[in-house]
Amino acid sequence: MRMKTKYTTNEIVLTALGMALVFVATMFIKIPNPLDGYFNMGDGFLMLFAGLLSPFGAFLVGGLGSAMADLAGGYAYYFIWTLLIKGIEAYLISYLFHRFGAKYRLAYYGAGSIVMVVGYFFAKWFLKGSAIIALSGVPENILQSLVGIVIAFVAYPIVQKALYRTKLQ
């Protein structure tokens, strides 16, 4: 007797693709800042895939995709923080998509961005021992979120239509 799996092959493939794209956009499309960390384009793909996947799949895309880029990029001390912050950001966005539909996706992306900005503020405060240093990352994280929102907002309907045509969703 075969057990029915919870996740379809398509969702597993989309999750893996999302993790890979978030990793690449985070690892290779980045601008280091002088204090610590870097500005990157991974949030756009995180938000995009969060709207397409289950909350658990979104957590994996956001959390593992981003955290693996920290590990590979020399920021291993951020691995757990990134796993949790980006994972929760993506989980929240996905949950809101599933609960209320795509109509208010701009608000969902905004809510996820707040999780990311506040989460990294506290992470940096803990790691650096200074709220002032932690505050220095807030404008960069807000800008990163805004760029991510634009990417996801524009790409979502295009990707959604492509997935529907190929019956991958």
C-alpha atoms as a PDB file:
ATOM      1  CA  MET A   1       0.000   0.000   0.000  1.00  0.00           C
ATOM      2  CA  ARG A   2       1.418   3.385  -1.032  1.00  0.00           C
ATOM      3  CA  MET A   3       1.209   6.390   1.224  1.00  0.00           C
ATOM      4  CA  LYS A   4      -0.123   9.539  -0.339  1.00  0.00           C
ATOM      5  CA  THR A   5       2.444  12.317  -0.311  1.00  0.00           C
ATOM      6  CA  LYS A   6       1.480  15.755   0.908  1.00  0.00           C
ATOM      7  CA  TYR A   7       3.522  17.693  -1.612  1.00  0.00           C
ATOM      8  CA  THR A   8       3.304  17.252  -5.346  1.00  0.00           C
ATOM      9  CA  THR A   9       6.319  16.855  -7.559  1.00  0.00           C
ATOM     10  CA  ASN A  10       5.535  20.256  -9.036  1.00  0.00           C
ATOM     11  CA  GLU A  11       5.644  21.949  -5.636  1.00  0.00           C
ATOM     12  CA  ILE A  12       8.911  20.196  -4.760  1.00  0.00           C
ATOM     13  CA  VAL A  13      10.422  21.335  -8.069  1.00  0.00           C
ATOM     14  CA  LEU A  14       9.151  24.915  -7.605  1.00  0.00           C
ATOM     15  CA  THR A  15      10.548  24.947  -4.062  1.00  0.00           C
ATOM     16  CA  ALA A  16      13.963  23.775  -5.250  1.00  0.00           C
ATOM     17  CA  LEU A  17      13.923  26.285  -8.108  1.00  0.00           C
ATOM     18  CA  GLY A  18      12.948  29.040  -5.690  1.00  0.00           C
ATOM     19  CA  MET A  19      15.746  28.153  -3.268  1.00  0.00           C
ATOM     20  CA  ALA A  20      18.244  28.156  -6.127  1.00  0.00           C
ATOM     21  CA  LEU A  21      17.065  31.519  -7.495  1.00  0.00           C
ATOM     22  CA  VAL A  22      17.045  33.133  -4.049  1.00  0.00           C
ATOM     23  CA  PHE A  23      20.541  31.763  -3.430  1.00  0.00           C
ATOM     24  CA  VAL A  24      21.888  33.062  -6.753  1.00  0.00           C
ATOM     25  CA  ALA A  25      20.202  36.475  -6.438  1.00  0.00           C
ATOM     26  CA  THR A  26      21.468  36.810  -2.869  1.00  0.00           C
ATOM     27  CA  MET A  27      24.971  35.505  -3.478  1.00  0.00           C
ATOM     28  CA  PHE A  28      25.823  37.046  -6.829  1.00  0.00           C
ATOM     29  CA  ILE A  29      23.652  40.142  -7.192  1.00  0.00           C
ATOM     30  CA  LYS A  30      24.855  41.999  -4.108  1.00  0.00           C
ATOM     31  CA  ILE A  31      26.455  45.214  -2.978  1.00  0.00           C
ATOM     32  CA  PRO A  32      28.479  44.918   0.267  1.00  0.00           C
ATOM     33  CA  ASN A  33      28.090  47.690   2.817  1.00  0.00           C
ATOM     34  CA  PRO A  34      31.006  49.046   4.856  1.00  0.00           C
ATOM     35  CA  LEU A  35      29.629  48.069   8.286  1.00  0.00           C
ATOM     36  CA  ASP A  36      28.503  44.479   7.843  1.00  0.00           C
ATOM     37  CA  GLY A  37      26.370  42.505   5.427  1.00  0.00           C
ATOM     38  CA  TYR A  38      25.235  43.453   1.962  1.00  0.00           C
ATOM     39  CA  PHE A  39      22.328  44.690  -0.130  1.00  0.00           C
ATOM     40  CA  ASN A  40      21.003  41.958  -2.432  1.00  0.00           C
ATOM     41  CA  MET A  41      18.209  41.099  -4.849  1.00  0.00           C
ATOM     42  CA  GLY A  42      17.147  37.833  -3.200  1.00  0.00           C
ATOM     43  CA  ASP A  43      14.069  39.348  -1.549  1.00  0.00           C
ATOM     44  CA  GLY A  44      12.375  39.787  -4.909  1.00  0.00           C
ATOM     45  CA  PHE A  45      12.543  36.064  -5.626  1.00  0.00           C
ATOM     46  CA  LEU A  46      11.696  35.214  -2.018  1.00  0.00           C
ATOM     47  CA  MET A  47       8.497  37.274  -2.253  1.00  0.00           C
ATOM     48  CA  LEU A  48       7.657  35.953  -5.704  1.00  0.00           C
ATOM     49  CA  PHE A  49       7.946  32.294  -4.709  1.00  0.00           C
ATOM     50  CA  ALA A  50       6.194  32.910  -1.386  1.00  0.00           C
ATOM     51  CA  GLY A  51       3.132  33.847  -3.406  1.00  0.00           C
ATOM     52  CA  LEU A  52       3.323  30.621  -5.402  1.00  0.00           C
ATOM     53  CA  LEU A  53       4.119  28.007  -2.748  1.00  0.00           C
ATOM     54  CA  SER A  54       2.680  26.642   0.469  1.00  0.00           C
ATOM     55  CA  PRO A  55       3.855  28.378   3.648  1.00  0.00           C
ATOM     56  CA  PHE A  56       6.282  25.513   4.382  1.00  0.00           C
ATOM     57  CA  GLY A  57       7.706  25.595   0.842  1.00  0.00           C
ATOM     58  CA  ALA A  58       7.995  29.377   1.094  1.00  0.00           C
ATOM     59  CA  PHE A  59       9.842  29.045   4.422  1.00  0.00           C
ATOM     60  CA  LEU A  60      12.361  26.738   2.743  1.00  0.00           C
ATOM     61  CA  VAL A  61      12.796  29.072  -0.233  1.00  0.00           C
ATOM     62  CA  GLY A  62      13.262  32.173   1.881  1.00  0.00           C
ATOM     63  CA  GLY A  63      15.082  30.654   4.813  1.00  0.00           C
ATOM     64  CA  LEU A  64      17.388  28.094   3.221  1.00  0.00           C
ATOM     65  CA  GLY A  65      17.920  29.924  -0.068  1.00  0.00           C
ATOM     66  CA  SER A  66      19.080  33.062   1.766  1.00  0.00           C
ATOM     67  CA  ALA A  67      20.912  31.318   4.610  1.00  0.00           C
ATOM     68  CA  MET A  68      22.929  29.157   2.228  1.00  0.00           C
ATOM     69  CA  ALA A  69      24.054  32.347   0.460  1.00  0.00           C
ATOM     70  CA  ASP A  70      25.208  33.727   3.822  1.00  0.00           C
ATOM     71  CA  LEU A  71      27.123  30.513   4.453  1.00  0.00           C
ATOM     72  CA  ALA A  72      28.726  30.472   1.002  1.00  0.00           C
ATOM     73  CA  GLY A  73      29.435  34.203   1.061  1.00  0.00           C
ATOM     74  CA  GLY A  74      31.395  34.318   4.315  1.00  0.00           C
ATOM     75  CA  TYR A  75      28.586  35.408   6.628  1.00  0.00           C
ATOM     76  CA  ALA A  76      28.078  32.078   8.399  1.00  0.00           C
ATOM     77  CA  TYR A  77      27.417  33.824  11.709  1.00  0.00           C
ATOM     78  CA  TYR A  78      24.176  35.103  10.155  1.00  0.00           C
ATOM     79  CA  PHE A  79      23.056  31.610   9.000  1.00  0.00           C
ATOM     80  CA  ILE A  80      20.551  30.891  11.795  1.00  0.00           C
ATOM     81  CA  TRP A  81      19.326  34.487  11.897  1.00  0.00           C
ATOM     82  CA  THR A  82      18.770  34.533   8.149  1.00  0.00           C
ATOM     83  CA  LEU A  83      17.149  31.105   8.164  1.00  0.00           C
ATOM     84  CA  LEU A  84      14.607  32.311  10.728  1.00  0.00           C
ATOM     85  CA  ILE A  85      14.086  35.895   9.546  1.00  0.00           C
ATOM     86  CA  LYS A  86      13.818  35.168   5.818  1.00  0.00           C
ATOM     87  CA  GLY A  87      11.952  31.935   6.481  1.00  0.00           C
ATOM     88  CA  ILE A  88       9.345  33.711   8.622  1.00  0.00           C
ATOM     89  CA  GLU A  89       9.119  36.551   6.086  1.00  0.00           C
ATOM     90  CA  ALA A  90       8.344  34.087   3.282  1.00  0.00           C
ATOM     91  CA  TYR A  91       6.045  31.980   5.477  1.00  0.00           C
ATOM     92  CA  LEU A  92       3.978  35.047   6.410  1.00  0.00           C
ATOM     93  CA  ILE A  93       3.657  36.197   2.795  1.00  0.00           C
ATOM     94  CA  SER A  94       2.607  32.718   1.677  1.00  0.00           C
ATOM     95  CA  TYR A  95       0.157  32.339   4.555  1.00  0.00           C
ATOM     96  CA  LEU A  96      -1.487  35.656   3.656  1.00  0.00           C
ATOM     97  CA  PHE A  97      -1.708  34.630  -0.017  1.00  0.00           C
ATOM     98  CA  HIS A  98      -3.385  31.362   0.928  1.00  0.00           C
ATOM     99  CA  ARG A  99      -5.690  32.956   3.493  1.00  0.00           C
ATOM    100  CA  PHE A 100      -6.852  36.016   1.538  1.00  0.00           C
ATOM    101  CA  GLY A 101      -5.912  35.468  -2.122  1.00  0.00           C
ATOM    102  CA  ALA A 102      -3.585  37.492  -4.335  1.00  0.00           C
ATOM    103  CA  LYS A 103      -5.669  40.675  -4.453  1.00  0.00           C
ATOM    104  CA  TYR A 104      -3.741  42.353  -1.627  1.00  0.00           C
ATOM    105  CA  ARG A 105      -0.303  41.011  -2.464  1.00  0.00           C
ATOM    106  CA  LEU A 106       1.309  44.432  -2.136  1.00  0.00           C
ATOM    107  CA  ALA A 107       0.227  44.515   1.529  1.00  0.00           C
ATOM    108  CA  TYR A 108       1.524  40.968   2.054  1.00  0.00           C
ATOM    109  CA  TYR A 109       4.914  41.907   0.627  1.00  0.00           C
ATOM    110  CA  GLY A 110       4.917  44.937   2.920  1.00  0.00           C
ATOM    111  CA  ALA A 111       4.149  42.788   5.969  1.00  0.00           C
ATOM    112  CA  GLY A 112       6.965  40.405   5.040  1.00  0.00           C
ATOM    113  CA  SER A 113       9.311  43.354   4.595  1.00  0.00           C
ATOM    114  CA  ILE A 114       8.536  44.572   8.100  1.00  0.00           C
ATOM    115  CA  VAL A 115       9.471  41.132   9.445  1.00  0.00           C
ATOM    116  CA  MET A 116      12.769  41.301   7.564  1.00  0.00           C
ATOM    117  CA  VAL A 117      13.715  44.858   8.568  1.00  0.00           C
ATOM    118  CA  VAL A 118      12.803  44.391  12.242  1.00  0.00           C
ATOM    119  CA  GLY A 119      14.335  40.908  12.372  1.00  0.00           C
ATOM    120  CA  TYR A 120      17.694  42.046  11.014  1.00  0.00           C
ATOM    121  CA  PHE A 121      17.686  45.067  13.313  1.00  0.00           C
ATOM    122  CA  PHE A 122      17.472  42.774  16.345  1.00  0.00           C
ATOM    123  CA  ALA A 123      19.889  40.233  14.862  1.00  0.00           C
ATOM    124  CA  LYS A 124      22.511  42.898  14.194  1.00  0.00           C
ATOM    125  CA  TRP A 125      21.928  44.433  17.628  1.00  0.00           C
ATOM    126  CA  PHE A 126      22.527  41.032  19.214  1.00  0.00           C
ATOM    127  CA  LEU A 127      25.567  40.207  17.061  1.00  0.00           C
ATOM    128  CA  LYS A 128      27.216  43.640  17.247  1.00  0.00           C
ATOM    129  CA  GLY A 129      26.071  44.626  20.736  1.00  0.00           C
ATOM    130  CA  SER A 130      24.948  48.073  19.629  1.00  0.00           C
ATOM    131  CA  ALA A 131      21.539  49.436  18.693  1.00  0.00           C
ATOM    132  CA  ILE A 132      23.249  52.304  16.832  1.00  0.00           C
ATOM    133  CA  ILE A 133      25.132  49.895  14.580  1.00  0.00           C
ATOM    134  CA  ALA A 134      21.915  47.894  14.139  1.00  0.00           C
ATOM    135  CA  LEU A 135      20.060  51.054  13.084  1.00  0.00           C
ATOM    136  CA  SER A 136      22.642  51.643  10.360  1.00  0.00           C
ATOM    137  CA  GLY A 137      21.295  48.597   8.471  1.00  0.00           C
ATOM    138  CA  VAL A 138      17.651  49.691   8.546  1.00  0.00           C
ATOM    139  CA  PRO A 139      17.700  52.062   5.507  1.00  0.00           C
ATOM    140  CA  GLU A 140      19.527  49.460   3.420  1.00  0.00           C
ATOM    141  CA  ASN A 141      17.014  46.764   4.412  1.00  0.00           C
ATOM    142  CA  ILE A 142      14.089  49.064   3.625  1.00  0.00           C
ATOM    143  CA  LEU A 143      15.550  49.779   0.171  1.00  0.00           C
ATOM    144  CA  GLN A 144      16.178  46.071  -0.383  1.00  0.00           C
ATOM    145  CA  SER A 145      12.564  45.363   0.565  1.00  0.00           C
ATOM    146  CA  LEU A 146      11.220  48.026  -1.779  1.00  0.00           C
ATOM    147  CA  VAL A 147      13.231  46.641  -4.693  1.00  0.00           C
ATOM    148  CA  GLY A 148      12.029  43.134  -3.789  1.00  0.00           C
ATOM    149  CA  ILE A 149       8.416  44.300  -3.679  1.00  0.00           C
ATOM    150  CA  VAL A 150       8.691  45.823  -7.160  1.00  0.00           C
ATOM    151  CA  ILE A 151      10.283  42.661  -8.567  1.00  0.00           C
ATOM    152  CA  ALA A 152       7.667  40.366  -7.010  1.00  0.00           C
ATOM    153  CA  PHE A 153       4.711  42.627  -7.787  1.00  0.00           C
ATOM    154  CA  VAL A 154       5.617  42.876 -11.464  1.00  0.00           C
ATOM    155  CA  ALA A 155       6.719  39.261 -11.926  1.00  0.00           C
ATOM    156  CA  TYR A 156       3.912  37.512 -10.006  1.00  0.00           C
ATOM    157  CA  PRO A 157       1.136  37.815 -12.625  1.00  0.00           C
ATOM    158  CA  ILE A 158       3.536  36.827 -15.406  1.00  0.00           C
ATOM    159  CA  VAL A 159       4.828  33.752 -13.572  1.00  0.00           C
ATOM    160  CA  GLN A 160       1.335  32.830 -12.364  1.00  0.00           C
ATOM    161  CA  LYS A 161       0.062  32.878 -15.950  1.00  0.00           C
ATOM    162  CA  ALA A 162       3.033  30.811 -17.178  1.00  0.00           C
ATOM    163  CA  LEU A 163       2.518  28.240 -14.422  1.00  0.00           C
ATOM    164  CA  TYR A 164      -1.177  28.007 -15.212  1.00  0.00           C
ATOM    165  CA  ARG A 165      -0.462  27.456 -18.913  1.00  0.00           C
ATOM    166  CA  THR A 166       2.001  24.690 -18.137  1.00  0.00           C
ATOM    167  CA  LYS A 167      -0.231  23.355 -15.351  1.00  0.00           C
ATOM    168  CA  LEU A 168       2.624  23.483 -12.834  1.00  0.00           C
ATOM    169  CA  GLN A 169       0.529  25.023 -10.122  1.00  0.00           C
END
